[in-house]
Amino acid sequence: MDPAAEHQQQLRSLRDFLLVYNRMTELCFRHCVSNLNYRLLTGQEERCLDGCAGKLVHANHRLVRAYVATMPSILQRRAQQLQEPPPGASPDAPAAPGPGEPSQGGASAGT
């Protein structure tokens, strides 16, 4: 992979990570923090945030494992579909003439 493409992939990965992190932070904050009158979190809020973040990270890991496990079979199916002729097409039928090419029907244009 060339360095520019690798750099773009790294930027996409970082962006995806930050999107997941920001969404998790927002969800857990809205769910767990109810009192903004104090500078520090209460013990209950801290426990809630730990549990919330832990559940989301665990769920994300499960999703990634499932994605990694199923992706090879999906790619293999797509490759097979690309290699198969379209439905209704005969594999030994001659190709249709292109624009400006004479047809192979045997009849000439003058008859």
PDB file of N, CA and C in Angstrom:
ATOM      1  N   MET A   1       0.858  -1.168   0.000  1.00  0.00           N
ATOM      2  CA  MET A   1       0.000   0.000   0.000  1.00  0.00           C
ATOM      3  C   MET A   1       0.905   1.233   0.000  1.00  0.00           C
ATOM      4  N   ASP A   2       0.588   2.190  -0.849  1.00  0.00           N
ATOM      5  CA  ASP A   2       1.439   3.366  -0.915  1.00  0.00           C
ATOM      6  C   ASP A   2       1.239   4.239   0.324  1.00  0.00           C
ATOM      7  N   PRO A   3       2.209   5.063   0.665  1.00  0.00           N
ATOM      8  CA  PRO A   3       2.149   5.857   1.901  1.00  0.00           C
ATOM      9  C   PRO A   3       0.941   6.787   1.977  1.00  0.00           C
ATOM     10  N   ALA A   4       0.532   7.376   0.864  1.00  0.00           N
ATOM     11  CA  ALA A   4      -0.625   8.282   0.890  1.00  0.00           C
ATOM     12  C   ALA A   4      -1.903   7.523   1.217  1.00  0.00           C
ATOM     13  N   ALA A   5      -2.082   6.356   0.618  1.00  0.00           N
ATOM     14  CA  ALA A   5      -3.275   5.555   0.893  1.00  0.00           C
ATOM     15  C   ALA A   5      -3.264   5.047   2.324  1.00  0.00           C
ATOM     16  N   GLU A   6      -2.081   4.666   2.806  1.00  0.00           N
ATOM     17  CA  GLU A   6      -1.975   4.200   4.195  1.00  0.00           C
ATOM     18  C   GLU A   6      -2.312   5.329   5.165  1.00  0.00           C
ATOM     19  N   HIS A   7      -1.845   6.525   4.858  1.00  0.00           N
ATOM     20  CA  HIS A   7      -2.149   7.685   5.710  1.00  0.00           C
ATOM     21  C   HIS A   7      -3.655   7.962   5.722  1.00  0.00           C
ATOM     22  N   GLN A   8      -4.292   7.879   4.547  1.00  0.00           N
ATOM     23  CA  GLN A   8      -5.744   8.085   4.471  1.00  0.00           C
ATOM     24  C   GLN A   8      -6.490   7.038   5.293  1.00  0.00           C
ATOM     25  N   GLN A   9      -6.028   5.793   5.234  1.00  0.00           N
ATOM     26  CA  GLN A   9      -6.661   4.724   6.011  1.00  0.00           C
ATOM     27  C   GLN A   9      -6.504   4.985   7.506  1.00  0.00           C
ATOM     28  N   GLN A  10      -5.334   5.447   7.916  1.00  0.00           N
ATOM     29  CA  GLN A  10      -5.116   5.760   9.328  1.00  0.00           C
ATOM     30  C   GLN A  10      -6.025   6.896   9.784  1.00  0.00           C
ATOM     31  N   LEU A  11      -6.195   7.906   8.933  1.00  0.00           N
ATOM     32  CA  LEU A  11      -7.087   9.018   9.274  1.00  0.00           C
ATOM     33  C   LEU A  11      -8.535   8.546   9.390  1.00  0.00           C
ATOM     34  N   ARG A  12      -8.962   7.648   8.479  1.00  0.00           N
ATOM     35  CA  ARG A  12     -10.323   7.110   8.558  1.00  0.00           C
ATOM     36  C   ARG A  12     -10.517   6.315   9.842  1.00  0.00           C
ATOM     37  N   SER A  13      -9.515   5.524  10.206  1.00  0.00           N
ATOM     38  CA  SER A  13      -9.602   4.728  11.437  1.00  0.00           C
ATOM     39  C   SER A  13      -9.684   5.631  12.661  1.00  0.00           C
ATOM     40  N   LEU A  14      -8.881   6.683  12.688  1.00  0.00           N
ATOM     41  CA  LEU A  14      -8.923   7.618  13.807  1.00  0.00           C
ATOM     42  C   LEU A  14     -10.268   8.317  13.878  1.00  0.00           C
ATOM     43  N   ARG A  15     -10.784   8.732  12.730  1.00  0.00           N
ATOM     44  CA  ARG A  15     -12.091   9.393  12.701  1.00  0.00           C
ATOM     45  C   ARG A  15     -13.182   8.456  13.212  1.00  0.00           C
ATOM     46  N   ASP A  16     -13.154   7.202  12.762  1.00  0.00           N
ATOM     47  CA  ASP A  16     -14.150   6.232  13.221  1.00  0.00           C
ATOM     48  C   ASP A  16     -14.060   6.010  14.719  1.00  0.00           C
ATOM     49  N   PHE A  17     -12.830   5.890  15.239  1.00  0.00           N
ATOM     50  CA  PHE A  17     -12.653   5.717  16.681  1.00  0.00           C
ATOM     51  C   PHE A  17     -13.205   6.920  17.439  1.00  0.00           C
ATOM     52  N   LEU A  18     -12.882   8.134  16.982  1.00  0.00           N
ATOM     53  CA  LEU A  18     -13.357   9.330  17.680  1.00  0.00           C
ATOM     54  C   LEU A  18     -14.872   9.458  17.634  1.00  0.00           C
ATOM     55  N   LEU A  19     -15.486   9.065  16.525  1.00  0.00           N
ATOM     56  CA  LEU A  19     -16.949   9.096  16.445  1.00  0.00           C
ATOM     57  C   LEU A  19     -17.570   8.145  17.469  1.00  0.00           C
ATOM     58  N   VAL A  20     -17.027   6.928  17.570  1.00  0.00           N
ATOM     59  CA  VAL A  20     -17.538   5.956  18.544  1.00  0.00           C
ATOM     60  C   VAL A  20     -17.317   6.471  19.961  1.00  0.00           C
ATOM     61  N   TYR A  21     -16.131   6.996  20.235  1.00  0.00           N
ATOM     62  CA  TYR A  21     -15.809   7.502  21.568  1.00  0.00           C
ATOM     63  C   TYR A  21     -16.729   8.659  21.954  1.00  0.00           C
ATOM     64  N   ASN A  22     -16.923   9.614  21.039  1.00  0.00           N
ATOM     65  CA  ASN A  22     -17.784  10.761  21.335  1.00  0.00           C
ATOM     66  C   ASN A  22     -19.231  10.344  21.555  1.00  0.00           C
ATOM     67  N   ARG A  23     -19.703   9.404  20.757  1.00  0.00           N
ATOM     68  CA  ARG A  23     -21.081   8.930  20.911  1.00  0.00           C
ATOM     69  C   ARG A  23     -21.247   8.213  22.248  1.00  0.00           C
ATOM     70  N   MET A  24     -20.266   7.377  22.612  1.00  0.00           N
ATOM     71  CA  MET A  24     -20.320   6.665  23.893  1.00  0.00           C
ATOM     72  C   MET A  24     -20.315   7.658  25.051  1.00  0.00           C
ATOM     73  N   THR A  25     -19.451   8.654  24.964  1.00  0.00           N
ATOM     74  CA  THR A  25     -19.364   9.658  26.025  1.00  0.00           C
ATOM     75  C   THR A  25     -20.695  10.381  26.181  1.00  0.00           C
ATOM     76  N   GLU A  26     -21.282  10.779  25.080  1.00  0.00           N
ATOM     77  CA  GLU A  26     -22.557  11.494  25.127  1.00  0.00           C
ATOM     78  C   GLU A  26     -23.667  10.615  25.718  1.00  0.00           C
ATOM     79  N   LEU A  27     -23.766   9.374  25.247  1.00  0.00           N
ATOM     80  CA  LEU A  27     -24.808   8.474  25.755  1.00  0.00           C
ATOM     81  C   LEU A  27     -24.669   8.228  27.260  1.00  0.00           C
ATOM     82  N   CYS A  28     -23.454   7.919  27.698  1.00  0.00           N
ATOM     83  CA  CYS A  28     -23.245   7.613  29.108  1.00  0.00           C
ATOM     84  C   CYS A  28     -23.435   8.851  29.974  1.00  0.00           C
ATOM     85  N   PHE A  29     -22.993  10.000  29.502  1.00  0.00           N
ATOM     86  CA  PHE A  29     -23.179  11.229  30.275  1.00  0.00           C
ATOM     87  C   PHE A  29     -24.659  11.525  30.456  1.00  0.00           C
ATOM     88  N   ARG A  30     -25.413  11.447  29.376  1.00  0.00           N
ATOM     89  CA  ARG A  30     -26.859  11.736  29.480  1.00  0.00           C
ATOM     90  C   ARG A  30     -27.569  10.728  30.383  1.00  0.00           C
ATOM     91  N   HIS A  31     -27.111   9.485  30.351  1.00  0.00           N
ATOM     92  CA  HIS A  31     -27.759   8.441  31.142  1.00  0.00           C
ATOM     93  C   HIS A  31     -27.391   8.526  32.621  1.00  0.00           C
ATOM     94  N   CYS A  32     -26.153   8.896  32.924  1.00  0.00           N
ATOM     95  CA  CYS A  32     -25.646   8.754  34.288  1.00  0.00           C
ATOM     96  C   CYS A  32     -25.528  10.041  35.088  1.00  0.00           C
ATOM     97  N   VAL A  33     -25.269  11.152  34.438  1.00  0.00           N
ATOM     98  CA  VAL A  33     -25.021  12.386  35.188  1.00  0.00           C
ATOM     99  C   VAL A  33     -26.304  13.193  35.254  1.00  0.00           C
ATOM    100  N   SER A  34     -26.776  13.363  36.471  1.00  0.00           N
ATOM    101  CA  SER A  34     -28.051  14.061  36.637  1.00  0.00           C
ATOM    102  C   SER A  34     -27.910  15.370  37.400  1.00  0.00           C
ATOM    103  N   ASN A  35     -26.813  15.560  38.105  1.00  0.00           N
ATOM    104  CA  ASN A  35     -26.659  16.743  38.940  1.00  0.00           C
ATOM    105  C   ASN A  35     -25.416  17.508  38.489  1.00  0.00           C
ATOM    106  N   LEU A  36     -25.618  18.669  37.872  1.00  0.00           N
ATOM    107  CA  LEU A  36     -24.505  19.478  37.387  1.00  0.00           C
ATOM    108  C   LEU A  36     -24.144  20.600  38.362  1.00  0.00           C
ATOM    109  N   ASN A  37     -24.647  20.522  39.597  1.00  0.00           N
ATOM    110  CA  ASN A  37     -24.376  21.557  40.586  1.00  0.00           C
ATOM    111  C   ASN A  37     -23.009  21.408  41.238  1.00  0.00           C
ATOM    112  N   TYR A  38     -22.348  20.273  41.070  1.00  0.00           N
ATOM    113  CA  TYR A  38     -21.070  20.024  41.731  1.00  0.00           C
ATOM    114  C   TYR A  38     -19.981  19.786  40.703  1.00  0.00           C
ATOM    115  N   ARG A  39     -18.782  20.111  41.097  1.00  0.00           N
ATOM    116  CA  ARG A  39     -17.647  19.966  40.211  1.00  0.00           C
ATOM    117  C   ARG A  39     -17.271  18.497  40.004  1.00  0.00           C
ATOM    118  N   LEU A  40     -17.412  17.685  41.027  1.00  0.00           N
ATOM    119  CA  LEU A  40     -17.041  16.272  40.971  1.00  0.00           C
ATOM    120  C   LEU A  40     -18.269  15.394  40.801  1.00  0.00           C
ATOM    121  N   LEU A  41     -18.038  14.209  40.271  1.00  0.00           N
ATOM    122  CA  LEU A  41     -19.115  13.224  40.134  1.00  0.00           C
ATOM    123  C   LEU A  41     -19.404  12.600  41.484  1.00  0.00           C
ATOM    124  N   THR A  42     -20.641  12.203  41.684  1.00  0.00           N
ATOM    125  CA  THR A  42     -20.970  11.444  42.884  1.00  0.00           C
ATOM    126  C   THR A  42     -20.506  10.005  42.687  1.00  0.00           C
ATOM    127  N   GLY A  43     -20.443   9.251  43.749  1.00  0.00           N
ATOM    128  CA  GLY A  43     -20.055   7.847  43.649  1.00  0.00           C
ATOM    129  C   GLY A  43     -21.001   7.063  42.760  1.00  0.00           C
ATOM    130  N   GLN A  44     -22.277   7.356  42.880  1.00  0.00           N
ATOM    131  CA  GLN A  44     -23.275   6.666  42.053  1.00  0.00           C
ATOM    132  C   GLN A  44     -23.065   7.001  40.578  1.00  0.00           C
ATOM    133  N   GLU A  45     -22.789   8.269  40.263  1.00  0.00           N
ATOM    134  CA  GLU A  45     -22.556   8.665  38.872  1.00  0.00           C
ATOM    135  C   GLU A  45     -21.303   7.988  38.312  1.00  0.00           C
ATOM    136  N   GLU A  46     -20.261   7.908  39.121  1.00  0.00           N
ATOM    137  CA  GLU A  46     -19.032   7.241  38.668  1.00  0.00           C
ATOM    138  C   GLU A  46     -19.274   5.767  38.374  1.00  0.00           C
ATOM    139  N   ARG A  47     -19.986   5.097  39.253  1.00  0.00           N
ATOM    140  CA  ARG A  47     -20.286   3.672  39.031  1.00  0.00           C
ATOM    141  C   ARG A  47     -21.138   3.494  37.778  1.00  0.00           C
ATOM    142  N   CYS A  48     -22.102   4.375  37.608  1.00  0.00           N
ATOM    143  CA  CYS A  48     -22.963   4.298  36.424  1.00  0.00           C
ATOM    144  C   CYS A  48     -22.139   4.504  35.154  1.00  0.00           C
ATOM    145  N   LEU A  49     -21.260   5.507  35.158  1.00  0.00           N
ATOM    146  CA  LEU A  49     -20.427   5.776  33.983  1.00  0.00           C
ATOM    147  C   LEU A  49     -19.489   4.615  33.685  1.00  0.00           C
ATOM    148  N   ASP A  50     -18.890   4.036  34.728  1.00  0.00           N
ATOM    149  CA  ASP A  50     -18.010   2.875  34.527  1.00  0.00           C
ATOM    150  C   ASP A  50     -18.776   1.713  33.898  1.00  0.00           C
ATOM    151  N   GLY A  51     -19.961   1.445  34.438  1.00  0.00           N
ATOM    152  CA  GLY A  51     -20.772   0.352  33.899  1.00  0.00           C
ATOM    153  C   GLY A  51     -21.239   0.622  32.480  1.00  0.00           C
ATOM    154  N   CYS A  52     -21.675   1.845  32.235  1.00  0.00           N
ATOM    155  CA  CYS A  52     -22.172   2.217  30.901  1.00  0.00           C
ATOM    156  C   CYS A  52     -21.062   2.100  29.865  1.00  0.00           C
ATOM    157  N   ALA A  53     -19.912   2.701  30.163  1.00  0.00           N
ATOM    158  CA  ALA A  53     -18.794   2.649  29.216  1.00  0.00           C
ATOM    159  C   ALA A  53     -18.320   1.207  29.018  1.00  0.00           C
ATOM    160  N   GLY A  54     -18.272   0.441  30.100  1.00  0.00           N
ATOM    161  CA  GLY A  54     -17.851  -0.958  29.990  1.00  0.00           C
ATOM    162  C   GLY A  54     -18.775  -1.765  29.097  1.00  0.00           C
ATOM    163  N   LYS A  55     -20.076  -1.565  29.244  1.00  0.00           N
ATOM    164  CA  LYS A  55     -21.040  -2.283  28.403  1.00  0.00           C
ATOM    165  C   LYS A  55     -20.882  -1.900  26.935  1.00  0.00           C
ATOM    166  N   LEU A  56     -20.724  -0.599  26.674  1.00  0.00           N
ATOM    167  CA  LEU A  56     -20.599  -0.165  25.283  1.00  0.00           C
ATOM    168  C   LEU A  56     -19.302  -0.666  24.648  1.00  0.00           C
ATOM    169  N   VAL A  57     -18.213  -0.646  25.400  1.00  0.00           N
ATOM    170  CA  VAL A  57     -16.939  -1.153  24.870  1.00  0.00           C
ATOM    171  C   VAL A  57     -17.054  -2.653  24.602  1.00  0.00           C
ATOM    172  N   HIS A  58     -17.662  -3.382  25.546  1.00  0.00           N
ATOM    173  CA  HIS A  58     -17.839  -4.833  25.365  1.00  0.00           C
ATOM    174  C   HIS A  58     -18.700  -5.115  24.128  1.00  0.00           C
ATOM    175  N   ALA A  59     -19.786  -4.366  23.965  1.00  0.00           N
ATOM    176  CA  ALA A  59     -20.658  -4.558  22.801  1.00  0.00           C
ATOM    177  C   ALA A  59     -19.911  -4.234  21.515  1.00  0.00           C
ATOM    178  N   ASN A  60     -19.104  -3.176  21.528  1.00  0.00           N
ATOM    179  CA  ASN A  60     -18.341  -2.810  20.344  1.00  0.00           C
ATOM    180  C   ASN A  60     -17.344  -3.908  19.988  1.00  0.00           C
ATOM    181  N   HIS A  61     -16.684  -4.490  20.984  1.00  0.00           N
ATOM    182  CA  HIS A  61     -15.738  -5.587  20.726  1.00  0.00           C
ATOM    183  C   HIS A  61     -16.456  -6.790  20.122  1.00  0.00           C
ATOM    184  N   ARG A  62     -17.643  -7.098  20.619  1.00  0.00           N
ATOM    185  CA  ARG A  62     -18.403  -8.221  20.060  1.00  0.00           C
ATOM    186  C   ARG A  62     -18.777  -7.961  18.603  1.00  0.00           C
ATOM    187  N   LEU A  63     -19.192  -6.725  18.309  1.00  0.00           N
ATOM    188  CA  LEU A  63     -19.550  -6.385  16.934  1.00  0.00           C
ATOM    189  C   LEU A  63     -18.341  -6.495  16.004  1.00  0.00           C
ATOM    190  N   VAL A  64     -17.202  -6.021  16.456  1.00  0.00           N
ATOM    191  CA  VAL A  64     -15.995  -6.096  15.629  1.00  0.00           C
ATOM    192  C   VAL A  64     -15.606  -7.546  15.394  1.00  0.00           C
ATOM    193  N   ARG A  65     -15.685  -8.385  16.436  1.00  0.00           N
ATOM    194  CA  ARG A  65     -15.362  -9.804  16.256  1.00  0.00           C
ATOM    195  C   ARG A  65     -16.309 -10.453  15.255  1.00  0.00           C
ATOM    196  N   ALA A  66     -17.597 -10.146  15.345  1.00  0.00           N
ATOM    197  CA  ALA A  66     -18.563 -10.715  14.399  1.00  0.00           C
ATOM    198  C   ALA A  66     -18.279 -10.226  12.979  1.00  0.00           C
ATOM    199  N   TYR A  67     -17.936  -8.968  12.835  1.00  0.00           N
ATOM    200  CA  TYR A  67     -17.621  -8.400  11.522  1.00  0.00           C
ATOM    201  C   TYR A  67     -16.398  -9.089  10.926  1.00  0.00           C
ATOM    202  N   VAL A  68     -15.351  -9.232  11.736  1.00  0.00           N
ATOM    203  CA  VAL A  68     -14.121  -9.870  11.267  1.00  0.00           C
ATOM    204  C   VAL A  68     -14.384 -11.327  10.893  1.00  0.00           C
ATOM    205  N   ALA A  69     -15.253 -11.999  11.631  1.00  0.00           N
ATOM    206  CA  ALA A  69     -15.539 -13.413  11.355  1.00  0.00           C
ATOM    207  C   ALA A  69     -16.364 -13.600  10.088  1.00  0.00           C
ATOM    208  N   THR A  70     -17.283 -12.677   9.798  1.00  0.00           N
ATOM    209  CA  THR A  70     -18.166 -12.863   8.642  1.00  0.00           C
ATOM    210  C   THR A  70     -17.658 -12.199   7.366  1.00  0.00           C
ATOM    211  N   MET A  71     -16.753 -11.254   7.478  1.00  0.00           N
ATOM    212  CA  MET A  71     -16.307 -10.520   6.299  1.00  0.00           C
ATOM    213  C   MET A  71     -15.664 -11.402   5.230  1.00  0.00           C
ATOM    214  N   PRO A  72     -14.794 -12.367   5.568  1.00  0.00           N
ATOM    215  CA  PRO A  72     -14.214 -13.201   4.499  1.00  0.00           C
ATOM    216  C   PRO A  72     -15.265 -13.940   3.663  1.00  0.00           C
ATOM    217  N   SER A  73     -16.295 -14.479   4.311  1.00  0.00           N
ATOM    218  CA  SER A  73     -17.317 -15.192   3.534  1.00  0.00           C
ATOM    219  C   SER A  73     -18.125 -14.231   2.668  1.00  0.00           C
ATOM    220  N   ILE A  74     -18.368 -13.028   3.146  1.00  0.00           N
ATOM    221  CA  ILE A  74     -19.085 -12.031   2.344  1.00  0.00           C
ATOM    222  C   ILE A  74     -18.251 -11.648   1.121  1.00  0.00           C
ATOM    223  N   LEU A  75     -16.965 -11.414   1.325  1.00  0.00           N
ATOM    224  CA  LEU A  75     -16.090 -11.062   0.203  1.00  0.00           C
ATOM    225  C   LEU A  75     -15.989 -12.206  -0.803  1.00  0.00           C
ATOM    226  N   GLN A  76     -15.948 -13.445  -0.306  1.00  0.00           N
ATOM    227  CA  GLN A  76     -15.869 -14.602  -1.196  1.00  0.00           C
ATOM    228  C   GLN A  76     -17.141 -14.703  -2.034  1.00  0.00           C
ATOM    229  N   ARG A  77     -18.306 -14.496  -1.415  1.00  0.00           N
ATOM    230  CA  ARG A  77     -19.568 -14.539  -2.160  1.00  0.00           C
ATOM    231  C   ARG A  77     -19.606 -13.450  -3.225  1.00  0.00           C
ATOM    232  N   ARG A  78     -19.155 -12.252  -2.879  1.00  0.00           N
ATOM    233  CA  ARG A  78     -19.149 -11.159  -3.863  1.00  0.00           C
ATOM    234  C   ARG A  78     -18.235 -11.484  -5.030  1.00  0.00           C
ATOM    235  N   ALA A  79     -17.079 -12.060  -4.740  1.00  0.00           N
ATOM    236  CA  ALA A  79     -16.149 -12.420  -5.812  1.00  0.00           C
ATOM    237  C   ALA A  79     -16.771 -13.473  -6.726  1.00  0.00           C
ATOM    238  N   GLN A  80     -17.468 -14.449  -6.159  1.00  0.00           N
ATOM    239  CA  GLN A  80     -18.127 -15.467  -6.969  1.00  0.00           C
ATOM    240  C   GLN A  80     -19.228 -14.861  -7.820  1.00  0.00           C
ATOM    241  N   GLN A  81     -19.985 -13.929  -7.262  1.00  0.00           N
ATOM    242  CA  GLN A  81     -21.056 -13.285  -8.019  1.00  0.00           C
ATOM    243  C   GLN A  81     -20.496 -12.488  -9.190  1.00  0.00           C
ATOM    244  N   LEU A  82     -19.352 -11.859  -8.996  1.00  0.00           N
ATOM    245  CA  LEU A  82     -18.749 -11.088 -10.082  1.00  0.00           C
ATOM    246  C   LEU A  82     -18.231 -11.989 -11.186  1.00  0.00           C
ATOM    247  N   GLN A  83     -17.848 -13.216 -10.855  1.00  0.00           N
ATOM    248  CA  GLN A  83     -17.317 -14.140 -11.847  1.00  0.00           C
ATOM    249  C   GLN A  83     -18.415 -14.863 -12.612  1.00  0.00           C
ATOM    250  N   GLU A  84     -19.614 -14.959 -12.044  1.00  0.00           N
ATOM    251  CA  GLU A  84     -20.720 -15.655 -12.703  1.00  0.00           C
ATOM    252  C   GLU A  84     -21.330 -14.761 -13.772  1.00  0.00           C
ATOM    253  N   PRO A  85     -21.788 -15.368 -14.897  1.00  0.00           N
ATOM    254  CA  PRO A  85     -22.476 -14.562 -15.909  1.00  0.00           C
ATOM    255  C   PRO A  85     -23.841 -14.124 -15.379  1.00  0.00           C
ATOM    256  N   PRO A  86     -24.358 -13.028 -15.892  1.00  0.00           N
ATOM    257  CA  PRO A  86     -25.674 -12.572 -15.441  1.00  0.00           C
ATOM    258  C   PRO A  86     -26.754 -13.599 -15.763  1.00  0.00           C
ATOM    259  N   PRO A  87     -27.848 -13.645 -14.995  1.00  0.00           N
ATOM    260  CA  PRO A  87     -28.924 -14.610 -15.255  1.00  0.00           C
ATOM    261  C   PRO A  87     -29.491 -14.427 -16.666  1.00  0.00           C
ATOM    262  N   GLY A  88     -29.721 -15.523 -17.344  1.00  0.00           N
ATOM    263  CA  GLY A  88     -30.294 -15.487 -18.685  1.00  0.00           C
ATOM    264  C   GLY A  88     -29.252 -15.400 -19.790  1.00  0.00           C
ATOM    265  N   ALA A  89     -28.012 -15.123 -19.440  1.00  0.00           N
ATOM    266  CA  ALA A  89     -26.955 -15.038 -20.453  1.00  0.00           C
ATOM    267  C   ALA A  89     -26.344 -16.416 -20.625  1.00  0.00           C
ATOM    268  N   SER A  90     -26.197 -16.832 -21.865  1.00  0.00           N
ATOM    269  CA  SER A  90     -25.587 -18.114 -22.159  1.00  0.00           C
ATOM    270  C   SER A  90     -24.082 -17.934 -22.207  1.00  0.00           C
ATOM    271  N   PRO A  91     -23.321 -18.777 -21.487  1.00  0.00           N
ATOM    272  CA  PRO A  91     -21.874 -18.593 -21.459  1.00  0.00           C
ATOM    273  C   PRO A  91     -21.204 -18.792 -22.807  1.00  0.00           C
ATOM    274  N   ASP A  92     -21.807 -19.596 -23.742  1.00  0.00           N
ATOM    275  CA  ASP A  92     -21.174 -19.828 -25.043  1.00  0.00           C
ATOM    276  C   ASP A  92     -21.825 -19.018 -26.160  1.00  0.00           C
ATOM    277  N   ALA A  93     -22.749 -18.122 -25.831  1.00  0.00           N
ATOM    278  CA  ALA A  93     -23.387 -17.294 -26.848  1.00  0.00           C
ATOM    279  C   ALA A  93     -22.419 -16.205 -27.284  1.00  0.00           C
ATOM    280  N   PRO A  94     -22.418 -15.863 -28.593  1.00  0.00           N
ATOM    281  CA  PRO A  94     -21.520 -14.798 -29.056  1.00  0.00           C
ATOM    282  C   PRO A  94     -21.943 -13.467 -28.461  1.00  0.00           C
ATOM    283  N   ALA A  95     -20.992 -12.613 -28.285  1.00  0.00           N
ATOM    284  CA  ALA A  95     -21.270 -11.289 -27.728  1.00  0.00           C
ATOM    285  C   ALA A  95     -22.055 -10.474 -28.747  1.00  0.00           C
ATOM    286  N   ALA A  96     -22.886  -9.596 -28.280  1.00  0.00           N
ATOM    287  CA  ALA A  96     -23.661  -8.722 -29.158  1.00  0.00           C
ATOM    288  C   ALA A  96     -22.715  -7.759 -29.840  1.00  0.00           C
ATOM    289  N   PRO A  97     -22.980  -7.433 -31.110  1.00  0.00           N
ATOM    290  CA  PRO A  97     -22.094  -6.510 -31.813  1.00  0.00           C
ATOM    291  C   PRO A  97     -22.138  -5.134 -31.163  1.00  0.00           C
ATOM    292  N   GLY A  98     -21.008  -4.486 -31.175  1.00  0.00           N
ATOM    293  CA  GLY A  98     -20.929  -3.135 -30.633  1.00  0.00           C
ATOM    294  C   GLY A  98     -21.492  -2.139 -31.616  1.00  0.00           C
ATOM    295  N   PRO A  99     -21.588  -0.895 -31.215  1.00  0.00           N
ATOM    296  CA  PRO A  99     -22.123   0.143 -32.145  1.00  0.00           C
ATOM    297  C   PRO A  99     -21.213   0.274 -33.359  1.00  0.00           C
ATOM    298  N   GLY A 100     -21.794   0.308 -34.514  1.00  0.00           N
ATOM    299  CA  GLY A 100     -21.044   0.469 -35.762  1.00  0.00           C
ATOM    300  C   GLY A 100     -20.524  -0.838 -36.328  1.00  0.00           C
ATOM    301  N   GLU A 101     -20.692  -1.968 -35.611  1.00  0.00           N
ATOM    302  CA  GLU A 101     -20.232  -3.258 -36.123  1.00  0.00           C
ATOM    303  C   GLU A 101     -21.397  -3.943 -36.844  1.00  0.00           C
ATOM    304  N   PRO A 102     -21.095  -4.651 -37.921  1.00  0.00           N
ATOM    305  CA  PRO A 102     -22.179  -5.363 -38.619  1.00  0.00           C
ATOM    306  C   PRO A 102     -22.670  -6.539 -37.785  1.00  0.00           C
ATOM    307  N   SER A 103     -23.946  -6.821 -37.879  1.00  0.00           N
ATOM    308  CA  SER A 103     -24.501  -7.953 -37.141  1.00  0.00           C
ATOM    309  C   SER A 103     -24.087  -9.231 -37.840  1.00  0.00           C
ATOM    310  N   GLN A 104     -24.137 -10.355 -37.127  1.00  0.00           N
ATOM    311  CA  GLN A 104     -23.701 -11.631 -37.692  1.00  0.00           C
ATOM    312  C   GLN A 104     -24.881 -12.455 -38.142  1.00  0.00           C
ATOM    313  N   GLY A 105     -25.997 -11.832 -38.406  1.00  0.00           N
ATOM    314  CA  GLY A 105     -27.200 -12.538 -38.777  1.00  0.00           C
ATOM    315  C   GLY A 105     -27.176 -13.078 -40.194  1.00  0.00           C
ATOM    316  N   GLY A 106     -26.239 -12.663 -41.030  1.00  0.00           N
ATOM    317  CA  GLY A 106     -26.143 -13.186 -42.376  1.00  0.00           C
ATOM    318  C   GLY A 106     -26.867 -12.312 -43.394  1.00  0.00           C
ATOM    319  N   ALA A 107     -27.816 -11.513 -42.990  1.00  0.00           N
ATOM    320  CA  ALA A 107     -28.529 -10.651 -43.923  1.00  0.00           C
ATOM    321  C   ALA A 107     -27.743  -9.379 -44.104  1.00  0.00           C
ATOM    322  N   SER A 108     -27.638  -8.947 -45.352  1.00  0.00           N
ATOM    323  CA  SER A 108     -26.911  -7.712 -45.602  1.00  0.00           C
ATOM    324  C   SER A 108     -27.884  -6.559 -45.561  1.00  0.00           C
ATOM    325  N   ALA A 109     -27.369  -5.378 -45.462  1.00  0.00           N
ATOM    326  CA  ALA A 109     -28.210  -4.179 -45.321  1.00  0.00           C
ATOM    327  C   ALA A 109     -28.965  -3.905 -46.607  1.00  0.00           C
ATOM    328  N   GLY A 110     -28.468  -4.371 -47.761  1.00  0.00           N
ATOM    329  CA  GLY A 110     -29.105  -4.078 -49.026  1.00  0.00           C
ATOM    330  C   GLY A 110     -30.226  -5.034 -49.394  1.00  0.00           C
ATOM    331  N   THR A 111     -30.425  -6.130 -48.675  1.00  0.00           N
ATOM    332  CA  THR A 111     -31.449  -7.085 -49.097  1.00  0.00           C
ATOM    333  C   THR A 111     -32.650  -7.040 -48.266  1.00  0.00           C
TER     334      THR A 111
END
